[in-house]
Amino acid sequence: TLGAAYTSEVLDILTSDPSIWAKTVF
């Protein structure tokens, strides 16, 4: 669950700007 929480936090950051997420692979 802690690993999932960390992954979720990274995704929150990556998707906070749609223009960045549109060219990102995680």
PDB file of all heavy atoms in Angstrom:
ATOM      1  N   THR A   1       0.826  -1.211   0.000  1.00  0.00           N
ATOM      2  CA  THR A   1       0.000   0.000   0.000  1.00  0.00           C
ATOM      3  C   THR A   1       0.858   1.257   0.000  1.00  0.00           C
ATOM      4  O   THR A   1       0.501   2.263  -0.611  1.00  0.00           O
ATOM      5  CB  THR A   1      -0.936   0.002   1.226  1.00  0.00           C
ATOM      6  OG1 THR A   1      -0.180  -0.247   2.413  1.00  0.00           O
ATOM      7  CG2 THR A   1      -2.013  -1.053   1.086  1.00  0.00           C
ATOM      8  N   LEU A   2       1.997   1.214   0.689  1.00  0.00           N
ATOM      9  CA  LEU A   2       2.879   2.375   0.694  1.00  0.00           C
ATOM     10  C   LEU A   2       3.502   2.580  -0.688  1.00  0.00           C
ATOM     11  O   LEU A   2       3.660   3.708  -1.141  1.00  0.00           O
ATOM     12  CB  LEU A   2       3.969   2.198   1.753  1.00  0.00           C
ATOM     13  CG  LEU A   2       3.507   2.404   3.199  1.00  0.00           C
ATOM     14  CD1 LEU A   2       4.557   1.927   4.187  1.00  0.00           C
ATOM     15  CD2 LEU A   2       3.193   3.874   3.433  1.00  0.00           C
ATOM     16  N   GLY A   3       3.864   1.483  -1.351  1.00  0.00           N
ATOM     17  CA  GLY A   3       4.383   1.616  -2.707  1.00  0.00           C
ATOM     18  C   GLY A   3       3.349   2.208  -3.645  1.00  0.00           C
ATOM     19  O   GLY A   3       3.662   3.056  -4.491  1.00  0.00           O
ATOM     20  N   ALA A   4       2.092   1.772  -3.489  1.00  0.00           N
ATOM     21  CA  ALA A   4       1.016   2.314  -4.322  1.00  0.00           C
ATOM     22  C   ALA A   4       0.801   3.790  -4.040  1.00  0.00           C
ATOM     23  O   ALA A   4       0.530   4.587  -4.957  1.00  0.00           O
ATOM     24  CB  ALA A   4      -0.269   1.532  -4.071  1.00  0.00           C
ATOM     25  N   ALA A   5       0.916   4.177  -2.766  1.00  0.00           N
ATOM     26  CA  ALA A   5       0.755   5.588  -2.420  1.00  0.00           C
ATOM     27  C   ALA A   5       1.850   6.439  -3.064  1.00  0.00           C
ATOM     28  O   ALA A   5       1.585   7.546  -3.557  1.00  0.00           O
ATOM     29  CB  ALA A   5       0.788   5.757  -0.901  1.00  0.00           C
ATOM     30  N   TYR A   6       3.084   5.935  -3.078  1.00  0.00           N
ATOM     31  CA  TYR A   6       4.185   6.665  -3.713  1.00  0.00           C
ATOM     32  C   TYR A   6       3.943   6.794  -5.224  1.00  0.00           C
ATOM     33  O   TYR A   6       4.116   7.869  -5.806  1.00  0.00           O
ATOM     34  CB  TYR A   6       5.496   5.938  -3.449  1.00  0.00           C
ATOM     35  CG  TYR A   6       6.725   6.744  -3.821  1.00  0.00           C
ATOM     36  CD1 TYR A   6       7.421   7.454  -2.859  1.00  0.00           C
ATOM     37  CD2 TYR A   6       7.195   6.786  -5.128  1.00  0.00           C
ATOM     38  CE1 TYR A   6       8.555   8.191  -3.183  1.00  0.00           C
ATOM     39  CE2 TYR A   6       8.309   7.518  -5.470  1.00  0.00           C
ATOM     40  CZ  TYR A   6       8.989   8.221  -4.495  1.00  0.00           C
ATOM     41  OH  TYR A   6      10.094   8.959  -4.826  1.00  0.00           O
ATOM     42  N   THR A   7       3.548   5.672  -5.850  1.00  0.00           N
ATOM     43  CA  THR A   7       3.252   5.708  -7.286  1.00  0.00           C
ATOM     44  C   THR A   7       2.149   6.712  -7.589  1.00  0.00           C
ATOM     45  O   THR A   7       2.224   7.474  -8.568  1.00  0.00           O
ATOM     46  CB  THR A   7       2.833   4.310  -7.769  1.00  0.00           C
ATOM     47  OG1 THR A   7       3.897   3.391  -7.529  1.00  0.00           O
ATOM     48  CG2 THR A   7       2.490   4.325  -9.246  1.00  0.00           C
ATOM     49  N   SER A   8       1.120   6.728  -6.764  1.00  0.00           N
ATOM     50  CA  SER A   8       0.022   7.673  -6.952  1.00  0.00           C
ATOM     51  C   SER A   8       0.511   9.111  -6.848  1.00  0.00           C
ATOM     52  O   SER A   8       0.082   9.992  -7.603  1.00  0.00           O
ATOM     53  CB  SER A   8      -1.070   7.398  -5.911  1.00  0.00           C
ATOM     54  OG  SER A   8      -2.117   8.340  -6.018  1.00  0.00           O
ATOM     55  N   GLU A   9       1.444   9.363  -5.908  1.00  0.00           N
ATOM     56  CA  GLU A   9       1.976  10.728  -5.738  1.00  0.00           C
ATOM     57  C   GLU A   9       2.755  11.159  -6.984  1.00  0.00           C
ATOM     58  O   GLU A   9       2.629  12.300  -7.442  1.00  0.00           O
ATOM     59  CB  GLU A   9       2.878  10.762  -4.503  1.00  0.00           C
ATOM     60  CG  GLU A   9       3.304  12.143  -4.062  1.00  0.00           C
ATOM     61  CD  GLU A   9       2.175  12.942  -3.436  1.00  0.00           C
ATOM     62  OE1 GLU A   9       1.204  12.320  -2.966  1.00  0.00           O
ATOM     63  OE2 GLU A   9       2.256  14.181  -3.421  1.00  0.00           O
ATOM     64  N   VAL A  10       3.553  10.260  -7.530  1.00  0.00           N
ATOM     65  CA  VAL A  10       4.288  10.590  -8.756  1.00  0.00           C
ATOM     66  C   VAL A  10       3.321  10.893  -9.895  1.00  0.00           C
ATOM     67  O   VAL A  10       3.499  11.851 -10.657  1.00  0.00           O
ATOM     68  CB  VAL A  10       5.236   9.432  -9.152  1.00  0.00           C
ATOM     69  CG1 VAL A  10       5.880   9.701 -10.506  1.00  0.00           C
ATOM     70  CG2 VAL A  10       6.309   9.243  -8.084  1.00  0.00           C
ATOM     71  N   LEU A  11       2.256  10.076 -10.018  1.00  0.00           N
ATOM     72  CA  LEU A  11       1.269  10.311 -11.075  1.00  0.00           C
ATOM     73  C   LEU A  11       0.539  11.633 -10.882  1.00  0.00           C
ATOM     74  O   LEU A  11       0.226  12.333 -11.862  1.00  0.00           O
ATOM     75  CB  LEU A  11       0.273   9.157 -11.122  1.00  0.00           C
ATOM     76  CG  LEU A  11       0.750   7.910 -11.858  1.00  0.00           C
ATOM     77  CD1 LEU A  11      -0.203   6.752 -11.629  1.00  0.00           C
ATOM     78  CD2 LEU A  11       0.889   8.190 -13.350  1.00  0.00           C
ATOM     79  N   ASP A  12       0.256  12.002  -9.629  1.00  0.00           N
ATOM     80  CA  ASP A  12      -0.377  13.294  -9.375  1.00  0.00           C
ATOM     81  C   ASP A  12       0.491  14.434  -9.912  1.00  0.00           C
ATOM     82  O   ASP A  12      -0.016  15.407 -10.485  1.00  0.00           O
ATOM     83  CB  ASP A  12      -0.618  13.485  -7.873  1.00  0.00           C
ATOM     84  CG  ASP A  12      -1.784  12.659  -7.367  1.00  0.00           C
ATOM     85  OD1 ASP A  12      -2.547  12.138  -8.211  1.00  0.00           O
ATOM     86  OD2 ASP A  12      -1.939  12.529  -6.145  1.00  0.00           O
ATOM     87  N   ILE A  13       1.796  14.303  -9.716  1.00  0.00           N
ATOM     88  CA  ILE A  13       2.715  15.337 -10.194  1.00  0.00           C
ATOM     89  C   ILE A  13       2.775  15.343 -11.721  1.00  0.00           C
ATOM     90  O   ILE A  13       2.654  16.386 -12.362  1.00  0.00           O
ATOM     91  CB  ILE A  13       4.117  15.126  -9.594  1.00  0.00           C
ATOM     92  CG1 ILE A  13       4.067  15.282  -8.070  1.00  0.00           C
ATOM     93  CG2 ILE A  13       5.133  16.077 -10.203  1.00  0.00           C
ATOM     94  CD1 ILE A  13       5.344  14.871  -7.358  1.00  0.00           C
ATOM     95  N   LEU A  14       2.927  14.166 -12.325  1.00  0.00           N
ATOM     96  CA  LEU A  14       3.080  14.087 -13.785  1.00  0.00           C
ATOM     97  C   LEU A  14       1.837  14.567 -14.521  1.00  0.00           C
ATOM     98  O   LEU A  14       1.923  15.123 -15.619  1.00  0.00           O
ATOM     99  CB  LEU A  14       3.390  12.648 -14.189  1.00  0.00           C
ATOM    100  CG  LEU A  14       4.772  12.109 -13.815  1.00  0.00           C
ATOM    101  CD1 LEU A  14       4.880  10.632 -14.209  1.00  0.00           C
ATOM    102  CD2 LEU A  14       5.880  12.905 -14.491  1.00  0.00           C
ATOM    103  N   THR A  15       0.662  14.323 -13.949  1.00  0.00           N
ATOM    104  CA  THR A  15      -0.585  14.687 -14.640  1.00  0.00           C
ATOM    105  C   THR A  15      -1.088  16.073 -14.259  1.00  0.00           C
ATOM    106  O   THR A  15      -2.152  16.487 -14.731  1.00  0.00           O
ATOM    107  CB  THR A  15      -1.680  13.650 -14.333  1.00  0.00           C
ATOM    108  OG1 THR A  15      -1.873  13.552 -12.913  1.00  0.00           O
ATOM    109  CG2 THR A  15      -1.295  12.277 -14.875  1.00  0.00           C
ATOM    110  N   SER A  16      -0.357  16.781 -13.397  1.00  0.00           N
ATOM    111  CA  SER A  16      -0.812  18.118 -12.995  1.00  0.00           C
ATOM    112  C   SER A  16      -0.748  19.108 -14.141  1.00  0.00           C
ATOM    113  O   SER A  16      -1.463  20.114 -14.141  1.00  0.00           O
ATOM    114  CB  SER A  16       0.035  18.617 -11.817  1.00  0.00           C
ATOM    115  OG  SER A  16       1.404  18.729 -12.198  1.00  0.00           O
ATOM    116  N   ASP A  17       0.096  18.863 -15.126  1.00  0.00           N
ATOM    117  CA  ASP A  17       0.171  19.713 -16.313  1.00  0.00           C
ATOM    118  C   ASP A  17      -0.133  18.834 -17.532  1.00  0.00           C
ATOM    119  O   ASP A  17       0.700  18.020 -17.934  1.00  0.00           O
ATOM    120  CB  ASP A  17       1.567  20.324 -16.448  1.00  0.00           C
ATOM    121  CG  ASP A  17       1.666  21.323 -17.605  1.00  0.00           C
ATOM    122  OD1 ASP A  17       0.836  21.252 -18.536  1.00  0.00           O
ATOM    123  OD2 ASP A  17       2.591  22.149 -17.591  1.00  0.00           O
ATOM    124  N   PRO A  18      -1.328  18.959 -18.130  1.00  0.00           N
ATOM    125  CA  PRO A  18      -1.711  18.095 -19.260  1.00  0.00           C
ATOM    126  C   PRO A  18      -0.730  18.141 -20.426  1.00  0.00           C
ATOM    127  O   PRO A  18      -0.545  17.131 -21.116  1.00  0.00           O
ATOM    128  CB  PRO A  18      -3.086  18.632 -19.668  1.00  0.00           C
ATOM    129  CG  PRO A  18      -3.615  19.278 -18.428  1.00  0.00           C
ATOM    130  CD  PRO A  18      -2.428  19.857 -17.731  1.00  0.00           C
ATOM    131  N   SER A  19      -0.087  19.287 -20.644  1.00  0.00           N
ATOM    132  CA  SER A  19       0.852  19.383 -21.765  1.00  0.00           C
ATOM    133  C   SER A  19       2.101  18.540 -21.520  1.00  0.00           C
ATOM    134  O   SER A  19       2.729  18.050 -22.466  1.00  0.00           O
ATOM    135  CB  SER A  19       1.243  20.843 -21.997  1.00  0.00           C
ATOM    136  OG  SER A  19       1.961  21.361 -20.880  1.00  0.00           O
ATOM    137  N   ILE A  20       2.484  18.368 -20.251  1.00  0.00           N
ATOM    138  CA  ILE A  20       3.622  17.502 -19.920  1.00  0.00           C
ATOM    139  C   ILE A  20       3.204  16.037 -20.000  1.00  0.00           C
ATOM    140  O   ILE A  20       3.904  15.196 -20.577  1.00  0.00           O
ATOM    141  CB  ILE A  20       4.159  17.824 -18.514  1.00  0.00           C
ATOM    142  CG1 ILE A  20       4.660  19.275 -18.448  1.00  0.00           C
ATOM    143  CG2 ILE A  20       5.269  16.850 -18.122  1.00  0.00           C
ATOM    144  CD1 ILE A  20       5.832  19.554 -19.356  1.00  0.00           C
ATOM    145  N   TRP A  21       2.028  15.735 -19.428  1.00  0.00           N
ATOM    146  CA  TRP A  21       1.561  14.347 -19.454  1.00  0.00           C
ATOM    147  C   TRP A  21       1.369  13.842 -20.876  1.00  0.00           C
ATOM    148  O   TRP A  21       1.570  12.659 -21.159  1.00  0.00           O
ATOM    149  CB  TRP A  21       0.260  14.226 -18.663  1.00  0.00           C
ATOM    150  CG  TRP A  21      -0.329  12.844 -18.685  1.00  0.00           C
ATOM    151  CD1 TRP A  21      -1.510  12.456 -19.226  1.00  0.00           C
ATOM    152  CD2 TRP A  21       0.269  11.659 -18.156  1.00  0.00           C
ATOM    153  NE1 TRP A  21      -1.704  11.108 -19.060  1.00  0.00           N
ATOM    154  CE2 TRP A  21      -0.616  10.594 -18.404  1.00  0.00           C
ATOM    155  CE3 TRP A  21       1.472  11.393 -17.483  1.00  0.00           C
ATOM    156  CZ2 TRP A  21      -0.344   9.289 -18.012  1.00  0.00           C
ATOM    157  CZ3 TRP A  21       1.745  10.086 -17.099  1.00  0.00           C
ATOM    158  CH2 TRP A  21       0.848   9.053 -17.365  1.00  0.00           C
ATOM    159  N   ALA A  22       1.013  14.727 -21.792  1.00  0.00           N
ATOM    160  CA  ALA A  22       0.745  14.320 -23.175  1.00  0.00           C
ATOM    161  C   ALA A  22       1.984  13.779 -23.879  1.00  0.00           C
ATOM    162  O   ALA A  22       1.872  13.193 -24.956  1.00  0.00           O
ATOM    163  CB  ALA A  22       0.181  15.504 -23.961  1.00  0.00           C
ATOM    164  N   LYS A  23       3.154  13.961 -23.303  1.00  0.00           N
ATOM    165  CA  LYS A  23       4.381  13.452 -23.935  1.00  0.00           C
ATOM    166  C   LYS A  23       5.231  12.653 -22.938  1.00  0.00           C
ATOM    167  O   LYS A  23       6.451  12.614 -23.043  1.00  0.00           O
ATOM    168  CB  LYS A  23       5.196  14.610 -24.512  1.00  0.00           C
ATOM    169  CG  LYS A  23       5.529  15.717 -23.512  1.00  0.00           C
ATOM    170  CD  LYS A  23       6.276  16.860 -24.206  1.00  0.00           C
ATOM    171  CE  LYS A  23       6.579  17.993 -23.218  1.00  0.00           C
ATOM    172  NZ  LYS A  23       7.272  19.114 -23.891  1.00  0.00           N
ATOM    173  N   THR A  24       4.559  12.017 -21.992  1.00  0.00           N
ATOM    174  CA  THR A  24       5.265  11.322 -20.910  1.00  0.00           C
ATOM    175  C   THR A  24       4.913   9.842 -20.874  1.00  0.00           C
ATOM    176  O   THR A  24       3.763   9.466 -21.071  1.00  0.00           O
ATOM    177  CB  THR A  24       4.913  11.951 -19.548  1.00  0.00           C
ATOM    178  OG1 THR A  24       5.347  13.307 -19.538  1.00  0.00           O
ATOM    179  CG2 THR A  24       5.587  11.209 -18.405  1.00  0.00           C
ATOM    180  N   VAL A  25       5.926   9.009 -20.603  1.00  0.00           N
ATOM    181  CA  VAL A  25       5.740   7.587 -20.290  1.00  0.00           C
ATOM    182  C   VAL A  25       6.312   7.352 -18.906  1.00  0.00           C
ATOM    183  O   VAL A  25       7.458   7.711 -18.624  1.00  0.00           O
ATOM    184  CB  VAL A  25       6.446   6.684 -21.320  1.00  0.00           C
ATOM    185  CG1 VAL A  25       6.399   5.227 -20.869  1.00  0.00           C
ATOM    186  CG2 VAL A  25       5.812   6.840 -22.685  1.00  0.00           C
ATOM    187  N   PHE A  26       5.522   6.755 -18.036  1.00  0.00           N
ATOM    188  CA  PHE A  26       5.924   6.455 -16.660  1.00  0.00           C
ATOM    189  C   PHE A  26       6.018   4.946 -16.516  1.00  0.00           C
ATOM    190  O   PHE A  26       5.027   4.232 -16.669  1.00  0.00           O
ATOM    191  CB  PHE A  26       4.897   7.045 -15.689  1.00  0.00           C
ATOM    192  CG  PHE A  26       5.179   6.785 -14.233  1.00  0.00           C
ATOM    193  CD1 PHE A  26       6.468   6.825 -13.730  1.00  0.00           C
ATOM    194  CD2 PHE A  26       4.140   6.498 -13.357  1.00  0.00           C
ATOM    195  CE1 PHE A  26       6.722   6.595 -12.387  1.00  0.00           C
ATOM    196  CE2 PHE A  26       4.385   6.256 -12.008  1.00  0.00           C
ATOM    197  CZ  PHE A  26       5.679   6.311 -11.528  1.00  0.00           C
TER     198      PHE A  26
END
